[in-house]
Amino acid sequence: MPRIPLIEDLTSSSIPPGSNILVEFEPTSQWFPASVTIAAEWLAQNGKISYSAMAQPPSRVREALVRFGIDCAKLETGKQDYEILRIWDYNTPALGMKSTEKLQMPSLKVADISIHFIKEQFKREPDPGRMMVVDDYSTYSRFNEEKSWVEFLLTRDFPLGSKMQAHNIGGLMKGMHSGWVYNRLEEAADGVVDLKIEEEGKTVRDMIRIRSLRNVHFDREWHSLKVGEKFEVSLER
């Protein structure tokens, strides 16, 4: 089983497949490059990735992966259930336009997406070598009432990760939703990771910590992040 970059740098053992990890990030933090770093390094370890592009277009995700040396065209070919790399386009429908992507959502209404999950996603066999990355769950709040999209995550998105025996890592923007949203999702998640920026005089530091994690020992301290030439994100040693 591949090792989860960044997150498992702070654990004493592997996070079990089927775990749902919630990443709460400040808007100016390094979550978006970190999410691509996690995907690219997982692929480099012969893992499989399903990346849901909500806050950015799929083309930008591909460009970032190519900088890591990932051959997206090669990995995105094959039968739908066996593609090593799957990039789902949620971003184009969020802009009110028609997507040209092979993997796309009809809208950002959770009633529509829920039907897709039932008809398509829940019929798939377990895929323990796969990681599912969602760049920004908060996008749902633009098109749905709070209770509706949170219930969708609790009854469709999180259970899919468990059923597929895949690692499910999803971002949620800090300071955007009610306390009820954060409490409800944190209680349901198997782990919560925080990303923030911290000002020290004239310096700004990017930080990460694991706030909670079930059944795995972990480092609770804040750690500095660094961004490399390819915009790869790693722990500052």
Protein backbone atom coordinates (compact mmCIF):
# COMPACT_ATOMS: atom_id res chain seq x y z
CA MET A 1 0.00 0.00 0.00
CA PRO A 2 1.40 3.46 -0.90
CA ARG A 3 2.23 5.88 1.87
CA ILE A 4 0.18 9.10 2.18
CA PRO A 5 2.53 12.06 1.65
CA LEU A 6 2.55 14.84 4.29
CA ILE A 7 -0.10 13.26 6.48
CA GLU A 8 1.66 9.96 7.19
CA ASP A 9 4.87 11.91 7.76
CA LEU A 10 3.18 12.73 11.08
CA THR A 11 1.90 9.26 12.03
CA SER A 12 3.59 6.23 13.59
CA SER A 13 1.79 3.75 11.32
CA SER A 14 -0.34 3.58 8.19
CA ILE A 15 -3.85 5.00 8.04
CA PRO A 16 -6.22 2.14 7.14
CA PRO A 17 -7.89 2.04 3.70
CA GLY A 18 -11.50 3.21 3.87
CA SER A 19 -10.61 6.15 6.13
CA ASN A 20 -12.16 9.58 5.55
CA ILE A 21 -9.77 12.43 6.30
CA LEU A 22 -11.10 15.99 6.53
CA VAL A 23 -8.60 18.78 5.79
CA GLU A 24 -9.68 22.16 7.16
CA PHE A 25 -7.67 24.86 5.44
CA GLU A 26 -7.34 28.62 5.61
CA PRO A 27 -8.06 30.26 2.22
CA THR A 28 -4.46 31.47 1.78
CA SER A 29 -2.82 28.25 2.97
CA GLN A 30 -1.01 25.75 0.75
CA TRP A 31 -3.87 23.22 0.58
CA PHE A 32 -4.34 23.26 -3.20
CA PRO A 33 -0.66 22.56 -4.06
CA ALA A 34 -0.58 20.14 -1.13
CA SER A 35 -3.57 18.22 -2.53
CA VAL A 36 -1.81 17.84 -5.88
CA THR A 37 1.43 16.87 -4.14
CA ILE A 38 -0.41 14.12 -2.28
CA ALA A 39 -2.00 12.89 -5.53
CA ALA A 40 1.26 12.97 -7.51
CA GLU A 41 3.33 11.18 -4.90
CA TRP A 42 0.62 8.56 -4.42
CA LEU A 43 0.67 7.91 -8.19
CA ALA A 44 4.47 7.72 -8.11
CA GLN A 45 4.11 4.85 -5.59
CA ASN A 46 1.90 2.95 -8.08
CA GLY A 47 -1.31 4.01 -6.39
CA LYS A 48 -4.48 5.17 -8.16
CA ILE A 49 -6.11 8.58 -7.84
CA SER A 50 -9.61 9.98 -8.26
CA TYR A 51 -9.36 13.77 -8.00
CA SER A 52 -12.53 15.87 -7.75
CA ALA A 53 -11.70 19.32 -9.10
CA MET A 54 -14.24 21.69 -7.56
CA ALA A 55 -12.38 24.95 -6.89
CA GLN A 56 -10.10 24.73 -9.93
CA PRO A 57 -10.45 23.41 -13.51
CA PRO A 58 -9.21 19.91 -14.35
CA SER A 59 -6.68 21.44 -16.76
CA ARG A 60 -4.94 23.15 -13.85
CA VAL A 61 -4.79 19.89 -11.92
CA ARG A 62 -3.22 18.16 -14.95
CA GLU A 63 -0.69 20.96 -15.41
CA ALA A 64 0.36 20.61 -11.78
CA LEU A 65 0.67 16.83 -12.05
CA VAL A 66 2.74 17.13 -15.25
CA ARG A 67 5.24 19.29 -13.34
CA PHE A 68 5.76 16.27 -11.09
CA GLY A 69 6.53 14.12 -14.14
CA ILE A 70 3.11 12.41 -14.21
CA ASP A 71 1.99 11.27 -17.68
CA CYS A 72 -1.67 12.19 -17.31
CA ALA A 73 -2.65 11.19 -20.85
CA LYS A 74 -1.36 7.67 -20.27
CA LEU A 75 -2.81 7.22 -16.79
CA GLU A 76 -6.26 8.58 -17.76
CA THR A 77 -6.77 6.00 -20.51
CA GLY A 78 -8.49 2.64 -20.06
CA LYS A 79 -11.90 1.39 -19.07
CA GLN A 80 -13.68 3.63 -16.62
CA ASP A 81 -13.27 1.30 -13.64
CA TYR A 82 -9.59 0.74 -14.30
CA GLU A 83 -8.18 4.19 -15.06
CA ILE A 84 -5.24 4.83 -12.80
CA LEU A 85 -5.92 8.58 -12.79
CA ARG A 86 -9.49 9.91 -12.82
CA ILE A 87 -10.09 13.67 -12.72
CA TRP A 88 -13.73 14.58 -12.14
CA ASP A 89 -14.90 17.98 -13.37
CA TYR A 90 -17.09 19.71 -10.80
CA ASN A 91 -15.64 23.13 -11.61
CA THR A 92 -17.18 23.73 -15.05
CA PRO A 93 -20.76 23.04 -13.90
CA ALA A 94 -20.09 25.38 -10.96
CA LEU A 95 -19.45 28.11 -13.54
CA GLY A 96 -22.73 27.37 -15.34
CA MET A 97 -21.02 25.95 -18.42
CA LYS A 98 -20.99 22.61 -20.24
CA SER A 99 -17.98 20.44 -19.50
CA THR A 100 -16.00 18.69 -22.22
CA GLU A 101 -14.39 16.31 -19.74
CA LYS A 102 -15.01 12.56 -19.92
CA LEU A 103 -15.68 12.50 -16.17
CA GLN A 104 -18.06 15.28 -15.21
CA MET A 105 -20.97 16.11 -12.94
CA PRO A 106 -24.26 17.43 -14.37
CA SER A 107 -24.54 20.11 -11.71
CA LEU A 108 -23.45 20.96 -8.18
CA LYS A 109 -26.92 20.25 -6.76
CA VAL A 110 -26.47 17.38 -4.32
CA ALA A 111 -29.82 15.90 -5.38
CA ASP A 112 -28.37 15.36 -8.88
CA ILE A 113 -24.98 14.15 -7.67
CA SER A 114 -26.61 11.76 -5.20
CA ILE A 115 -28.42 10.01 -8.07
CA HIS A 116 -25.09 9.61 -9.87
CA PHE A 117 -23.48 8.13 -6.76
CA ILE A 118 -26.26 5.57 -6.39
CA LYS A 119 -26.39 4.60 -10.08
CA GLU A 120 -22.66 4.58 -10.78
CA GLN A 121 -20.26 4.93 -7.87
CA PHE A 122 -21.82 2.56 -5.36
CA LYS A 123 -21.85 -0.27 -7.94
CA ARG A 124 -18.06 -0.31 -8.15
CA GLU A 125 -15.97 -2.99 -6.49
CA PRO A 126 -13.59 -2.17 -3.59
CA ASP A 127 -10.40 -0.54 -4.80
CA PRO A 128 -8.00 -0.36 -1.81
CA GLY A 129 -5.08 1.03 -3.83
CA ARG A 130 -7.07 4.13 -4.75
CA MET A 131 -7.12 7.51 -3.08
CA MET A 132 -10.00 9.96 -3.58
CA VAL A 133 -9.04 13.63 -3.24
CA VAL A 134 -11.62 16.46 -3.15
CA ASP A 135 -10.06 19.89 -3.35
CA ASP A 136 -12.90 21.91 -1.78
CA TYR A 137 -16.13 20.54 -0.28
CA SER A 138 -17.08 24.14 0.51
CA THR A 139 -18.03 24.65 -3.15
CA TYR A 140 -21.25 22.74 -2.43
CA SER A 141 -22.43 25.59 -0.20
CA ARG A 142 -22.87 27.86 -3.24
CA PHE A 143 -25.65 25.66 -4.63
CA ASN A 144 -27.19 23.87 -1.65
CA GLU A 145 -28.59 24.52 1.77
CA GLU A 146 -26.21 23.67 4.61
CA LYS A 147 -28.05 20.60 5.87
CA SER A 148 -28.48 19.19 2.34
CA TRP A 149 -24.83 19.15 1.34
CA VAL A 150 -23.59 18.02 4.75
CA GLU A 151 -26.07 15.11 4.68
CA PHE A 152 -24.84 14.27 1.18
CA LEU A 153 -21.28 13.98 2.48
CA LEU A 154 -22.43 11.86 5.43
CA THR A 155 -24.64 9.49 3.40
CA ARG A 156 -22.87 9.35 0.02
CA ASP A 157 -19.33 10.74 -0.10
CA PHE A 158 -17.94 9.39 3.18
CA PRO A 159 -19.64 5.96 2.84
CA LEU A 160 -18.26 5.62 -0.71
CA GLY A 161 -14.71 5.91 0.60
CA SER A 162 -15.42 3.22 3.18
CA LYS A 163 -17.17 0.93 0.67
CA MET A 164 -14.37 1.30 -1.88
CA GLN A 165 -11.75 0.68 0.84
CA ALA A 166 -10.07 3.80 -0.55
CA HIS A 167 -8.46 6.66 1.32
CA ASN A 168 -10.78 9.69 1.01
CA ILE A 169 -9.17 13.09 1.63
CA GLY A 170 -11.34 16.19 1.28
CA GLY A 171 -10.72 19.88 1.87
CA LEU A 172 -13.08 22.20 3.75
CA MET A 173 -12.42 25.93 3.93
CA LYS A 174 -12.15 27.42 7.42
CA GLY A 175 -14.33 30.33 8.51
CA MET A 176 -16.92 29.86 5.79
CA HIS A 177 -19.61 27.72 7.41
CA SER A 178 -21.54 27.49 10.67
CA GLY A 179 -20.08 25.71 13.66
CA TRP A 180 -22.66 22.95 13.13
CA VAL A 181 -21.10 22.06 9.75
CA TYR A 182 -17.60 21.68 11.17
CA ASN A 183 -18.78 19.77 14.25
CA ARG A 184 -20.92 17.38 12.22
CA LEU A 185 -18.23 16.57 9.65
CA GLU A 186 -15.42 16.36 12.21
CA GLU A 187 -17.44 13.87 14.24
CA ALA A 188 -18.02 11.69 11.16
CA ALA A 189 -14.47 11.85 9.78
CA ASP A 190 -11.76 9.37 10.79
CA GLY A 191 -9.24 12.17 11.00
CA VAL A 192 -8.97 15.97 10.89
CA VAL A 193 -5.95 17.83 9.49
CA ASP A 194 -5.44 21.61 9.68
CA LEU A 195 -3.53 23.88 7.30
CA LYS A 196 -2.91 27.53 8.14
CA ILE A 197 -0.52 30.42 7.73
CA GLU A 198 1.26 31.98 10.70
CA GLU A 199 2.86 35.42 10.73
CA GLU A 200 6.15 35.93 12.57
CA GLY A 201 7.27 39.52 12.21
CA LYS A 202 7.86 40.03 8.49
CA THR A 203 7.77 36.29 7.79
CA VAL A 204 4.77 34.14 6.90
CA ARG A 205 5.00 30.42 7.59
CA ASP A 206 2.79 27.69 6.16
CA MET A 207 1.80 25.17 8.83
CA ILE A 208 0.18 21.74 9.10
CA ARG A 209 -0.96 19.56 11.98
CA ILE A 210 -3.08 16.49 12.60
CA ARG A 211 -5.79 17.47 15.07
CA SER A 212 -7.41 14.05 15.42
CA LEU A 213 -7.03 10.54 14.00
CA ARG A 214 -8.73 7.30 14.95
CA ASN A 215 -6.77 4.19 15.83
CA VAL A 216 -3.38 5.57 14.69
CA HIS A 217 -0.78 7.30 16.86
CA PHE A 218 0.19 10.71 15.50
CA ASP A 219 2.18 13.88 16.16
CA ARG A 220 -0.17 16.62 17.43
CA GLU A 221 2.27 19.53 16.99
CA TRP A 222 2.19 22.17 14.27
CA HIS A 223 4.88 21.69 11.60
CA SER A 224 6.21 24.11 8.99
CA LEU A 225 5.76 23.42 5.29
CA LYS A 226 7.99 24.38 2.40
CA VAL A 227 7.12 24.77 -1.27
CA GLY A 228 9.63 23.57 -3.85
CA GLU A 229 10.41 24.65 -7.40
CA LYS A 230 7.66 22.44 -8.85
CA PHE A 231 5.25 23.79 -6.21
CA GLU A 232 5.56 20.50 -4.36
CA VAL A 233 4.71 20.80 -0.68
CA SER A 234 6.73 18.98 1.98
CA LEU A 235 7.50 19.19 5.68
CA GLU A 236 10.25 21.60 6.67
CA ARG A 237 12.91 19.41 8.26
